[in-house]
Amino acid sequence: MVKVEVTRSVPEGKIMSYRSMGHANYDVHGKDIVCAGVSAVTFGTFNSIEALLKIVPKHTVDHGYLEVTIPEKMESKTSEHVQLLLESMVVMLSTIQESYDDFLTIEQTIHG
């Protein structure tokens, strides 16, 4: 199972970080559409933040693992754009989970 953890701040509810770990085991390596979908969404979000907004979040990548931490200090408008991309990621992951809930879990926590 793939687990995605999204950490939000108090009281704003802004996404501070996200982490994806594990393997869906929906199918064999190379044919696992759940793993591929989750990877495309989580890595695509990181890449979009970097390419479009010129922000490089702190990140750790390993086999079956991605952790991304959003910088705390940004211009207000940039922060809004980052949050829009991150909220879009949550929507896309939730859409995958609707069809493949035995293979993907999303946990959102509040920090602060």
PDB file of N, CA and C in Angstrom:
ATOM      1  N   MET A   1       0.835  -1.180   0.000  1.00  0.00           N
ATOM      2  CA  MET A   1       0.000   0.000   0.000  1.00  0.00           C
ATOM      3  C   MET A   1       0.880   1.243   0.000  1.00  0.00           C
ATOM      4  N   VAL A   2       0.475   2.258  -0.760  1.00  0.00           N
ATOM      5  CA  VAL A   2       1.139   3.554  -0.744  1.00  0.00           C
ATOM      6  C   VAL A   2       0.445   4.406   0.309  1.00  0.00           C
ATOM      7  N   LYS A   3       1.251   5.067   1.122  1.00  0.00           N
ATOM      8  CA  LYS A   3       0.716   5.982   2.125  1.00  0.00           C
ATOM      9  C   LYS A   3       1.244   7.372   1.815  1.00  0.00           C
ATOM     10  N   VAL A   4       0.338   8.344   1.754  1.00  0.00           N
ATOM     11  CA  VAL A   4       0.725   9.734   1.569  1.00  0.00           C
ATOM     12  C   VAL A   4       0.305  10.490   2.818  1.00  0.00           C
ATOM     13  N   GLU A   5       1.267  11.176   3.428  1.00  0.00           N
ATOM     14  CA  GLU A   5       0.998  11.996   4.605  1.00  0.00           C
ATOM     15  C   GLU A   5       1.142  13.459   4.217  1.00  0.00           C
ATOM     16  N   VAL A   6       0.124  14.236   4.531  1.00  0.00           N
ATOM     17  CA  VAL A   6       0.122  15.669   4.264  1.00  0.00           C
ATOM     18  C   VAL A   6       0.048  16.369   5.614  1.00  0.00           C
ATOM     19  N   THR A   7       1.000  17.268   5.880  1.00  0.00           N
ATOM     20  CA  THR A   7       1.027  17.988   7.151  1.00  0.00           C
ATOM     21  C   THR A   7       0.634  19.436   6.906  1.00  0.00           C
ATOM     22  N   ARG A   8      -0.332  19.898   7.702  1.00  0.00           N
ATOM     23  CA  ARG A   8      -0.850  21.261   7.582  1.00  0.00           C
ATOM     24  C   ARG A   8      -0.510  22.079   8.823  1.00  0.00           C
ATOM     25  N   SER A   9      -0.471  23.397   8.651  1.00  0.00           N
ATOM     26  CA  SER A   9      -0.176  24.304   9.760  1.00  0.00           C
ATOM     27  C   SER A   9      -1.450  24.721  10.483  1.00  0.00           C
ATOM     28  N   VAL A  10      -1.261  25.199  11.701  1.00  0.00           N
ATOM     29  CA  VAL A  10      -2.359  25.758  12.490  1.00  0.00           C
ATOM     30  C   VAL A  10      -2.122  27.254  12.552  1.00  0.00           C
ATOM     31  N   PRO A  11      -3.064  28.134  12.451  1.00  0.00           N
ATOM     32  CA  PRO A  11      -4.482  27.875  12.218  1.00  0.00           C
ATOM     33  C   PRO A  11      -4.869  27.933  10.743  1.00  0.00           C
ATOM     34  N   GLU A  12      -3.915  28.287   9.870  1.00  0.00           N
ATOM     35  CA  GLU A  12      -4.253  28.538   8.460  1.00  0.00           C
ATOM     36  C   GLU A  12      -4.622  27.286   7.676  1.00  0.00           C
ATOM     37  N   GLY A  13      -4.100  26.147   8.082  1.00  0.00           N
ATOM     38  CA  GLY A  13      -4.353  24.920   7.334  1.00  0.00           C
ATOM     39  C   GLY A  13      -3.510  24.796   6.077  1.00  0.00           C
ATOM     40  N   LYS A  14      -2.453  25.613   5.979  1.00  0.00           N
ATOM     41  CA  LYS A  14      -1.577  25.535   4.805  1.00  0.00           C
ATOM     42  C   LYS A  14      -0.775  24.240   4.843  1.00  0.00           C
ATOM     43  N   ILE A  15      -0.526  23.689   3.677  1.00  0.00           N
ATOM     44  CA  ILE A  15       0.282  22.477   3.587  1.00  0.00           C
ATOM     45  C   ILE A  15       1.745  22.859   3.779  1.00  0.00           C
ATOM     46  N   MET A  16       2.359  22.236   4.788  1.00  0.00           N
ATOM     47  CA  MET A  16       3.759  22.505   5.123  1.00  0.00           C
ATOM     48  C   MET A  16       4.699  21.472   4.511  1.00  0.00           C
ATOM     49  N   SER A  17       4.185  20.234   4.387  1.00  0.00           N
ATOM     50  CA  SER A  17       5.017  19.159   3.851  1.00  0.00           C
ATOM     51  C   SER A  17       4.129  18.012   3.400  1.00  0.00           C
ATOM     52  N   TYR A  18       4.713  17.151   2.599  1.00  0.00           N
ATOM     53  CA  TYR A  18       4.036  15.900   2.256  1.00  0.00           C
ATOM     54  C   TYR A  18       5.079  14.810   2.074  1.00  0.00           C
ATOM     55  N   ARG A  19       4.614  13.590   2.287  1.00  0.00           N
ATOM     56  CA  ARG A  19       5.497  12.435   2.209  1.00  0.00           C
ATOM     57  C   ARG A  19       4.729  11.280   1.584  1.00  0.00           C
ATOM     58  N   SER A  20       5.351  10.624   0.629  1.00  0.00           N
ATOM     59  CA  SER A  20       4.770   9.447  -0.020  1.00  0.00           C
ATOM     60  C   SER A  20       5.717   8.280   0.209  1.00  0.00           C
ATOM     61  N   MET A  21       5.148   7.150   0.659  1.00  0.00           N
ATOM     62  CA  MET A  21       6.014   6.007   0.935  1.00  0.00           C
ATOM     63  C   MET A  21       5.304   4.697   0.646  1.00  0.00           C
ATOM     64  N   GLY A  22       6.087   3.715   0.268  1.00  0.00           N
ATOM     65  CA  GLY A  22       5.557   2.382   0.041  1.00  0.00           C
ATOM     66  C   GLY A  22       5.266   2.111  -1.423  1.00  0.00           C
ATOM     67  N   HIS A  23       4.749   0.914  -1.642  1.00  0.00           N
ATOM     68  CA  HIS A  23       4.389   0.466  -2.987  1.00  0.00           C
ATOM     69  C   HIS A  23       2.959  -0.052  -2.961  1.00  0.00           C
ATOM     70  N   ALA A  24       2.213   0.235  -3.993  1.00  0.00           N
ATOM     71  CA  ALA A  24       0.802  -0.154  -4.029  1.00  0.00           C
ATOM     72  C   ALA A  24       0.629  -1.663  -4.175  1.00  0.00           C
ATOM     73  N   ASN A  25       1.514  -2.296  -4.931  1.00  0.00           N
ATOM     74  CA  ASN A  25       1.390  -3.725  -5.237  1.00  0.00           C
ATOM     75  C   ASN A  25       0.066  -4.043  -5.930  1.00  0.00           C
ATOM     76  N   TYR A  26      -0.404  -3.082  -6.717  1.00  0.00           N
ATOM     77  CA  TYR A  26      -1.604  -3.298  -7.522  1.00  0.00           C
ATOM     78  C   TYR A  26      -1.306  -4.274  -8.652  1.00  0.00           C
ATOM     79  N   ASP A  27      -0.090  -4.181  -9.181  1.00  0.00           N
ATOM     80  CA  ASP A  27       0.349  -5.051 -10.270  1.00  0.00           C
ATOM     81  C   ASP A  27       1.865  -5.177 -10.167  1.00  0.00           C
ATOM     82  N   VAL A  28       2.473  -5.903 -11.068  1.00  0.00           N
ATOM     83  CA  VAL A  28       3.921  -6.095 -11.056  1.00  0.00           C
ATOM     84  C   VAL A  28       4.622  -4.781 -11.381  1.00  0.00           C
ATOM     85  N   HIS A  29       5.883  -4.699 -10.959  1.00  0.00           N
ATOM     86  CA  HIS A  29       6.696  -3.515 -11.226  1.00  0.00           C
ATOM     87  C   HIS A  29       6.668  -3.191 -12.721  1.00  0.00           C
ATOM     88  N   GLY A  30       6.428  -1.932 -13.031  1.00  0.00           N
ATOM     89  CA  GLY A  30       6.349  -1.503 -14.423  1.00  0.00           C
ATOM     90  C   GLY A  30       4.942  -1.495 -14.988  1.00  0.00           C
ATOM     91  N   LYS A  31       4.009  -2.162 -14.286  1.00  0.00           N
ATOM     92  CA  LYS A  31       2.613  -2.191 -14.728  1.00  0.00           C
ATOM     93  C   LYS A  31       1.665  -1.704 -13.636  1.00  0.00           C
ATOM     94  N   ASP A  32       2.226  -1.208 -12.547  1.00  0.00           N
ATOM     95  CA  ASP A  32       1.428  -0.791 -11.399  1.00  0.00           C
ATOM     96  C   ASP A  32       0.922   0.637 -11.614  1.00  0.00           C
ATOM     97  N   ILE A  33      -0.316   0.749 -12.091  1.00  0.00           N
ATOM     98  CA  ILE A  33      -0.865   2.071 -12.415  1.00  0.00           C
ATOM     99  C   ILE A  33      -1.107   2.920 -11.174  1.00  0.00           C
ATOM    100  N   VAL A  34      -1.319   2.311 -10.029  1.00  0.00           N
ATOM    101  CA  VAL A  34      -1.522   3.093  -8.807  1.00  0.00           C
ATOM    102  C   VAL A  34      -0.212   3.754  -8.396  1.00  0.00           C
ATOM    103  N   CYS A  35       0.862   2.979  -8.353  1.00  0.00           N
ATOM    104  CA  CYS A  35       2.178   3.556  -8.035  1.00  0.00           C
ATOM    105  C   CYS A  35       2.557   4.634  -9.051  1.00  0.00           C
ATOM    106  N   ALA A  36       2.316   4.344 -10.307  1.00  0.00           N
ATOM    107  CA  ALA A  36       2.653   5.308 -11.359  1.00  0.00           C
ATOM    108  C   ALA A  36       1.853   6.597 -11.197  1.00  0.00           C
ATOM    109  N   GLY A  37       0.572   6.468 -10.890  1.00  0.00           N
ATOM    110  CA  GLY A  37      -0.271   7.648 -10.711  1.00  0.00           C
ATOM    111  C   GLY A  37       0.150   8.485  -9.523  1.00  0.00           C
ATOM    112  N   VAL A  38       0.396   7.827  -8.395  1.00  0.00           N
ATOM    113  CA  VAL A  38       0.815   8.549  -7.187  1.00  0.00           C
ATOM    114  C   VAL A  38       2.165   9.216  -7.419  1.00  0.00           C
ATOM    115  N   SER A  39       3.083   8.509  -8.049  1.00  0.00           N
ATOM    116  CA  SER A  39       4.399   9.090  -8.341  1.00  0.00           C
ATOM    117  C   SER A  39       4.287  10.286  -9.275  1.00  0.00           C
ATOM    118  N   ALA A  40       3.464  10.159 -10.306  1.00  0.00           N
ATOM    119  CA  ALA A  40       3.289  11.270 -11.249  1.00  0.00           C
ATOM    120  C   ALA A  40       2.745  12.502 -10.542  1.00  0.00           C
ATOM    121  N   VAL A  41       1.787  12.312  -9.664  1.00  0.00           N
ATOM    122  CA  VAL A  41       1.171  13.443  -8.959  1.00  0.00           C
ATOM    123  C   VAL A  41       2.139  14.056  -7.953  1.00  0.00           C
ATOM    124  N   THR A  42       2.785  13.232  -7.121  1.00  0.00           N
ATOM    125  CA  THR A  42       3.646  13.784  -6.066  1.00  0.00           C
ATOM    126  C   THR A  42       4.933  14.387  -6.633  1.00  0.00           C
ATOM    127  N   PHE A  43       5.571  13.687  -7.563  1.00  0.00           N
ATOM    128  CA  PHE A  43       6.775  14.242  -8.182  1.00  0.00           C
ATOM    129  C   PHE A  43       6.423  15.408  -9.102  1.00  0.00           C
ATOM    130  N   GLY A  44       5.303  15.299  -9.801  1.00  0.00           N
ATOM    131  CA  GLY A  44       4.866  16.387 -10.675  1.00  0.00           C
ATOM    132  C   GLY A  44       4.588  17.664  -9.910  1.00  0.00           C
ATOM    133  N   THR A  45       4.034  17.538  -8.724  1.00  0.00           N
ATOM    134  CA  THR A  45       3.787  18.716  -7.887  1.00  0.00           C
ATOM    135  C   THR A  45       5.105  19.355  -7.479  1.00  0.00           C
ATOM    136  N   PHE A  46       6.042  18.548  -7.016  1.00  0.00           N
ATOM    137  CA  PHE A  46       7.369  19.070  -6.659  1.00  0.00           C
ATOM    138  C   PHE A  46       8.008  19.763  -7.860  1.00  0.00           C
ATOM    139  N   ASN A  47       7.993  19.096  -9.010  1.00  0.00           N
ATOM    140  CA  ASN A  47       8.602  19.667 -10.216  1.00  0.00           C
ATOM    141  C   ASN A  47       7.915  20.956 -10.649  1.00  0.00           C
ATOM    142  N   SER A  48       6.599  21.034 -10.492  1.00  0.00           N
ATOM    143  CA  SER A  48       5.859  22.247 -10.853  1.00  0.00           C
ATOM    144  C   SER A  48       6.232  23.412  -9.949  1.00  0.00           C
ATOM    145  N   ILE A  49       6.353  23.151  -8.655  1.00  0.00           N
ATOM    146  CA  ILE A  49       6.754  24.206  -7.715  1.00  0.00           C
ATOM    147  C   ILE A  49       8.126  24.739  -8.105  1.00  0.00           C
ATOM    148  N   GLU A  50       9.026  23.827  -8.424  1.00  0.00           N
ATOM    149  CA  GLU A  50      10.387  24.222  -8.783  1.00  0.00           C
ATOM    150  C   GLU A  50      10.434  24.952 -10.131  1.00  0.00           C
ATOM    151  N   ALA A  51       9.782  24.402 -11.144  1.00  0.00           N
ATOM    152  CA  ALA A  51       9.872  24.967 -12.496  1.00  0.00           C
ATOM    153  C   ALA A  51       9.069  26.253 -12.665  1.00  0.00           C
ATOM    154  N   LEU A  52       7.866  26.283 -12.122  1.00  0.00           N
ATOM    155  CA  LEU A  52       6.984  27.425 -12.359  1.00  0.00           C
ATOM    156  C   LEU A  52       7.184  28.567 -11.373  1.00  0.00           C
ATOM    157  N   LEU A  53       7.544  28.221 -10.135  1.00  0.00           N
ATOM    158  CA  LEU A  53       7.633  29.248  -9.092  1.00  0.00           C
ATOM    159  C   LEU A  53       9.060  29.518  -8.635  1.00  0.00           C
ATOM    160  N   LYS A  54       9.997  28.761  -9.185  1.00  0.00           N
ATOM    161  CA  LYS A  54      11.418  28.935  -8.860  1.00  0.00           C
ATOM    162  C   LYS A  54      11.697  28.764  -7.367  1.00  0.00           C
ATOM    163  N   ILE A  55      10.930  27.887  -6.729  1.00  0.00           N
ATOM    164  CA  ILE A  55      11.123  27.536  -5.324  1.00  0.00           C
ATOM    165  C   ILE A  55      11.623  26.095  -5.302  1.00  0.00           C
ATOM    166  N   VAL A  56      12.692  25.849  -4.565  1.00  0.00           N
ATOM    167  CA  VAL A  56      13.197  24.483  -4.449  1.00  0.00           C
ATOM    168  C   VAL A  56      12.963  24.016  -3.010  1.00  0.00           C
ATOM    169  N   PRO A  57      11.867  23.285  -2.791  1.00  0.00           N
ATOM    170  CA  PRO A  57      11.601  22.790  -1.444  1.00  0.00           C
ATOM    171  C   PRO A  57      12.666  21.782  -1.001  1.00  0.00           C
ATOM    172  N   LYS A  58      12.866  21.702   0.300  1.00  0.00           N
ATOM    173  CA  LYS A  58      13.725  20.656   0.848  1.00  0.00           C
ATOM    174  C   LYS A  58      13.061  19.324   0.509  1.00  0.00           C
ATOM    175  N   HIS A  59      13.850  18.367   0.041  1.00  0.00           N
ATOM    176  CA  HIS A  59      13.254  17.094  -0.358  1.00  0.00           C
ATOM    177  C   HIS A  59      14.225  15.931  -0.173  1.00  0.00           C
ATOM    178  N   THR A  60      13.635  14.761   0.016  1.00  0.00           N
ATOM    179  CA  THR A  60      14.375  13.511   0.132  1.00  0.00           C
ATOM    180  C   THR A  60      13.712  12.507  -0.798  1.00  0.00           C
ATOM    181  N   VAL A  61      14.522  11.861  -1.614  1.00  0.00           N
ATOM    182  CA  VAL A  61      14.013  10.868  -2.562  1.00  0.00           C
ATOM    183  C   VAL A  61      14.771   9.562  -2.347  1.00  0.00           C
ATOM    184  N   ASP A  62      14.038   8.487  -2.274  1.00  0.00           N
ATOM    185  CA  ASP A  62      14.621   7.152  -2.183  1.00  0.00           C
ATOM    186  C   ASP A  62      13.644   6.201  -2.858  1.00  0.00           C
ATOM    187  N   HIS A  63      14.021   4.962  -3.014  1.00  0.00           N
ATOM    188  CA  HIS A  63      13.143   3.985  -3.665  1.00  0.00           C
ATOM    189  C   HIS A  63      11.838   3.867  -2.881  1.00  0.00           C
ATOM    190  N   GLY A  64      10.732   4.238  -3.510  1.00  0.00           N
ATOM    191  CA  GLY A  64       9.429   4.157  -2.854  1.00  0.00           C
ATOM    192  C   GLY A  64       9.199   5.223  -1.807  1.00  0.00           C
ATOM    193  N   TYR A  65       9.976   6.312  -1.846  1.00  0.00           N
ATOM    194  CA  TYR A  65       9.868   7.341  -0.806  1.00  0.00           C
ATOM    195  C   TYR A  65      10.138   8.723  -1.389  1.00  0.00           C
ATOM    196  N   LEU A  66       9.272   9.666  -1.062  1.00  0.00           N
ATOM    197  CA  LEU A  66       9.474  11.075  -1.405  1.00  0.00           C
ATOM    198  C   LEU A  66       8.974  11.906  -0.239  1.00  0.00           C
ATOM    199  N   GLU A  67       9.821  12.802   0.243  1.00  0.00           N
ATOM    200  CA  GLU A  67       9.409  13.741   1.286  1.00  0.00           C
ATOM    201  C   GLU A  67       9.744  15.148   0.821  1.00  0.00           C
ATOM    202  N   VAL A  68       8.770  16.047   0.915  1.00  0.00           N
ATOM    203  CA  VAL A  68       8.929  17.423   0.457  1.00  0.00           C
ATOM    204  C   VAL A  68       8.488  18.355   1.576  1.00  0.00           C
ATOM    205  N   THR A  69       9.358  19.318   1.912  1.00  0.00           N
ATOM    206  CA  THR A  69       9.037  20.319   2.930  1.00  0.00           C
ATOM    207  C   THR A  69       9.078  21.696   2.278  1.00  0.00           C
ATOM    208  N   ILE A  70       7.995  22.423   2.432  1.00  0.00           N
ATOM    209  CA  ILE A  70       7.851  23.737   1.809  1.00  0.00           C
ATOM    210  C   ILE A  70       8.568  24.787   2.662  1.00  0.00           C
ATOM    211  N   PRO A  71       9.340  25.686   2.036  1.00  0.00           N
ATOM    212  CA  PRO A  71       9.992  26.742   2.812  1.00  0.00           C
ATOM    213  C   PRO A  71       8.957  27.605   3.544  1.00  0.00           C
ATOM    214  N   GLU A  72       9.304  28.026   4.747  1.00  0.00           N
ATOM    215  CA  GLU A  72       8.373  28.839   5.533  1.00  0.00           C
ATOM    216  C   GLU A  72       8.299  30.272   5.029  1.00  0.00           C
ATOM    217  N   LYS A  73       9.405  30.807   4.587  1.00  0.00           N
ATOM    218  CA  LYS A  73       9.449  32.217   4.198  1.00  0.00           C
ATOM    219  C   LYS A  73       9.401  32.356   2.681  1.00  0.00           C
ATOM    220  N   MET A  74       8.287  32.924   2.231  1.00  0.00           N
ATOM    221  CA  MET A  74       8.092  33.203   0.805  1.00  0.00           C
ATOM    222  C   MET A  74       7.250  34.463   0.701  1.00  0.00           C
ATOM    223  N   GLU A  75       7.314  35.098  -0.450  1.00  0.00           N
ATOM    224  CA  GLU A  75       6.405  36.214  -0.698  1.00  0.00           C
ATOM    225  C   GLU A  75       4.975  35.694  -0.658  1.00  0.00           C
ATOM    226  N   SER A  76       4.054  36.535  -0.244  1.00  0.00           N
ATOM    227  CA  SER A  76       2.657  36.138  -0.066  1.00  0.00           C
ATOM    228  C   SER A  76       2.062  35.530  -1.339  1.00  0.00           C
ATOM    229  N   LYS A  77       2.272  36.181  -2.470  1.00  0.00           N
ATOM    230  CA  LYS A  77       1.707  35.698  -3.736  1.00  0.00           C
ATOM    231  C   LYS A  77       2.312  34.343  -4.123  1.00  0.00           C
ATOM    232  N   THR A  78       3.617  34.193  -3.922  1.00  0.00           N
ATOM    233  CA  THR A  78       4.272  32.919  -4.223  1.00  0.00           C
ATOM    234  C   THR A  78       3.718  31.820  -3.335  1.00  0.00           C
ATOM    235  N   SER A  79       3.539  32.125  -2.057  1.00  0.00           N
ATOM    236  CA  SER A  79       2.972  31.151  -1.119  1.00  0.00           C
ATOM    237  C   SER A  79       1.578  30.710  -1.560  1.00  0.00           C
ATOM    238  N   GLU A  80       0.774  31.646  -2.035  1.00  0.00           N
ATOM    239  CA  GLU A  80      -0.572  31.316  -2.530  1.00  0.00           C
ATOM    240  C   GLU A  80      -0.494  30.355  -3.717  1.00  0.00           C
ATOM    241  N   HIS A  81       0.435  30.605  -4.607  1.00  0.00           N
ATOM    242  CA  HIS A  81       0.596  29.741  -5.788  1.00  0.00           C
ATOM    243  C   HIS A  81       1.071  28.347  -5.381  1.00  0.00           C
ATOM    244  N   VAL A  82       2.017  28.293  -4.438  1.00  0.00           N
ATOM    245  CA  VAL A  82       2.495  26.997  -3.946  1.00  0.00           C
ATOM    246  C   VAL A  82       1.337  26.222  -3.335  1.00  0.00           C
ATOM    247  N   GLN A  83       0.530  26.904  -2.516  1.00  0.00           N
ATOM    248  CA  GLN A  83      -0.596  26.234  -1.865  1.00  0.00           C
ATOM    249  C   GLN A  83      -1.617  25.738  -2.886  1.00  0.00           C
ATOM    250  N   LEU A  84      -1.843  26.494  -3.941  1.00  0.00           N
ATOM    251  CA  LEU A  84      -2.768  26.051  -4.989  1.00  0.00           C
ATOM    252  C   LEU A  84      -2.274  24.749  -5.635  1.00  0.00           C
ATOM    253  N   LEU A  85      -0.984  24.689  -5.931  1.00  0.00           N
ATOM    254  CA  LEU A  85      -0.424  23.460  -6.503  1.00  0.00           C
ATOM    255  C   LEU A  85      -0.535  22.295  -5.520  1.00  0.00           C
ATOM    256  N   LEU A  86      -0.271  22.558  -4.246  1.00  0.00           N
ATOM    257  CA  LEU A  86      -0.341  21.496  -3.233  1.00  0.00           C
ATOM    258  C   LEU A  86      -1.773  21.016  -3.012  1.00  0.00           C
ATOM    259  N   GLU A  87      -2.721  21.940  -2.975  1.00  0.00           N
ATOM    260  CA  GLU A  87      -4.129  21.538  -2.814  1.00  0.00           C
ATOM    261  C   GLU A  87      -4.603  20.748  -4.034  1.00  0.00           C
ATOM    262  N   SER A  88      -4.115  21.124  -5.203  1.00  0.00           N
ATOM    263  CA  SER A  88      -4.429  20.376  -6.420  1.00  0.00           C
ATOM    264  C   SER A  88      -3.886  18.952  -6.319  1.00  0.00           C
ATOM    265  N   MET A  89      -2.689  18.812  -5.754  1.00  0.00           N
ATOM    266  CA  MET A  89      -2.112  17.483  -5.549  1.00  0.00           C
ATOM    267  C   MET A  89      -3.025  16.629  -4.668  1.00  0.00           C
ATOM    268  N   VAL A  90      -3.536  17.215  -3.580  1.00  0.00           N
ATOM    269  CA  VAL A  90      -4.417  16.473  -2.673  1.00  0.00           C
ATOM    270  C   VAL A  90      -5.683  16.029  -3.405  1.00  0.00           C
ATOM    271  N   VAL A  91      -6.239  16.901  -4.237  1.00  0.00           N
ATOM    272  CA  VAL A  91      -7.436  16.542  -5.010  1.00  0.00           C
ATOM    273  C   VAL A  91      -7.128  15.383  -5.961  1.00  0.00           C
ATOM    274  N   MET A  92      -6.004  15.460  -6.658  1.00  0.00           N
ATOM    275  CA  MET A  92      -5.647  14.389  -7.599  1.00  0.00           C
ATOM    276  C   MET A  92      -5.416  13.062  -6.879  1.00  0.00           C
ATOM    277  N   LEU A  93      -4.733  13.107  -5.747  1.00  0.00           N
ATOM    278  CA  LEU A  93      -4.512  11.879  -4.976  1.00  0.00           C
ATOM    279  C   LEU A  93      -5.828  11.313  -4.458  1.00  0.00           C
ATOM    280  N   SER A  94      -6.720  12.186  -4.011  1.00  0.00           N
ATOM    281  CA  SER A  94      -8.032  11.736  -3.528  1.00  0.00           C
ATOM    282  C   SER A  94      -8.828  11.075  -4.646  1.00  0.00           C
ATOM    283  N   THR A  95      -8.682  11.580  -5.854  1.00  0.00           N
ATOM    284  CA  THR A  95      -9.359  10.990  -7.008  1.00  0.00           C
ATOM    285  C   THR A  95      -8.833   9.579  -7.277  1.00  0.00           C
ATOM    286  N   ILE A  96      -7.520   9.402  -7.173  1.00  0.00           N
ATOM    287  CA  ILE A  96      -6.947   8.062  -7.330  1.00  0.00           C
ATOM    288  C   ILE A  96      -7.461   7.151  -6.218  1.00  0.00           C
ATOM    289  N   GLN A  97      -7.491   7.670  -5.002  1.00  0.00           N
ATOM    290  CA  GLN A  97      -7.926   6.872  -3.854  1.00  0.00           C
ATOM    291  C   GLN A  97      -9.374   6.403  -3.992  1.00  0.00           C
ATOM    292  N   GLU A  98     -10.221   7.217  -4.598  1.00  0.00           N
ATOM    293  CA  GLU A  98     -11.626   6.832  -4.780  1.00  0.00           C
ATOM    294  C   GLU A  98     -11.754   5.511  -5.538  1.00  0.00           C
ATOM    295  N   SER A  99     -10.897   5.288  -6.508  1.00  0.00           N
ATOM    296  CA  SER A  99     -10.966   4.065  -7.312  1.00  0.00           C
ATOM    297  C   SER A  99     -10.084   2.939  -6.787  1.00  0.00           C
ATOM    298  N   TYR A 100      -9.064   3.292  -6.017  1.00  0.00           N
ATOM    299  CA  TYR A 100      -8.078   2.293  -5.590  1.00  0.00           C
ATOM    300  C   TYR A 100      -7.803   2.397  -4.092  1.00  0.00           C
ATOM    301  N   ASP A 101      -8.862   2.472  -3.287  1.00  0.00           N
ATOM    302  CA  ASP A 101      -8.676   2.714  -1.854  1.00  0.00           C
ATOM    303  C   ASP A 101      -7.997   1.564  -1.113  1.00  0.00           C
ATOM    304  N   ASP A 102      -7.944   0.388  -1.697  1.00  0.00           N
ATOM    305  CA  ASP A 102      -7.209  -0.719  -1.078  1.00  0.00           C
ATOM    306  C   ASP A 102      -5.700  -0.589  -1.278  1.00  0.00           C
ATOM    307  N   PHE A 103      -5.288   0.350  -2.123  1.00  0.00           N
ATOM    308  CA  PHE A 103      -3.878   0.463  -2.480  1.00  0.00           C
ATOM    309  C   PHE A 103      -3.266   1.819  -2.141  1.00  0.00           C
ATOM    310  N   LEU A 104      -4.087   2.776  -1.699  1.00  0.00           N
ATOM    311  CA  LEU A 104      -3.613   4.127  -1.393  1.00  0.00           C
ATOM    312  C   LEU A 104      -4.352   4.668  -0.184  1.00  0.00           C
ATOM    313  N   THR A 105      -3.590   5.174   0.771  1.00  0.00           N
ATOM    314  CA  THR A 105      -4.178   5.861   1.911  1.00  0.00           C
ATOM    315  C   THR A 105      -3.582   7.263   1.996  1.00  0.00           C
ATOM    316  N   ILE A 106      -4.421   8.231   2.324  1.00  0.00           N
ATOM    317  CA  ILE A 106      -3.990   9.621   2.467  1.00  0.00           C
ATOM    318  C   ILE A 106      -4.310  10.044   3.890  1.00  0.00           C
ATOM    319  N   GLU A 107      -3.289  10.521   4.585  1.00  0.00           N
ATOM    320  CA  GLU A 107      -3.457  10.958   5.968  1.00  0.00           C
ATOM    321  C   GLU A 107      -3.076  12.431   6.058  1.00  0.00           C
ATOM    322  N   GLN A 108      -4.000  13.243   6.556  1.00  0.00           N
ATOM    323  CA  GLN A 108      -3.720  14.663   6.723  1.00  0.00           C
ATOM    324  C   GLN A 108      -3.672  14.976   8.213  1.00  0.00           C
ATOM    325  N   THR A 109      -2.576  15.611   8.633  1.00  0.00           N
ATOM    326  CA  THR A 109      -2.403  15.951  10.039  1.00  0.00           C
ATOM    327  C   THR A 109      -2.171  17.447  10.189  1.00  0.00           C
ATOM    328  N   ILE A 110      -2.495  17.932  11.367  1.00  0.00           N
ATOM    329  CA  ILE A 110      -2.292  19.341  11.708  1.00  0.00           C
ATOM    330  C   ILE A 110      -1.064  19.423  12.605  1.00  0.00           C
ATOM    331  N   HIS A 111      -0.174  20.351  12.307  1.00  0.00           N
ATOM    332  CA  HIS A 111       1.049  20.525  13.094  1.00  0.00           C
ATOM    333  C   HIS A 111       1.118  21.959  13.602  1.00  0.00           C
ATOM    334  N   GLY A 112       1.450  22.098  14.849  1.00  0.00           N
ATOM    335  CA  GLY A 112       1.634  23.446  15.384  1.00  0.00           C
ATOM    336  C   GLY A 112       0.854  23.618  16.594  1.00  0.00           C
TER     337      GLY A 112
END
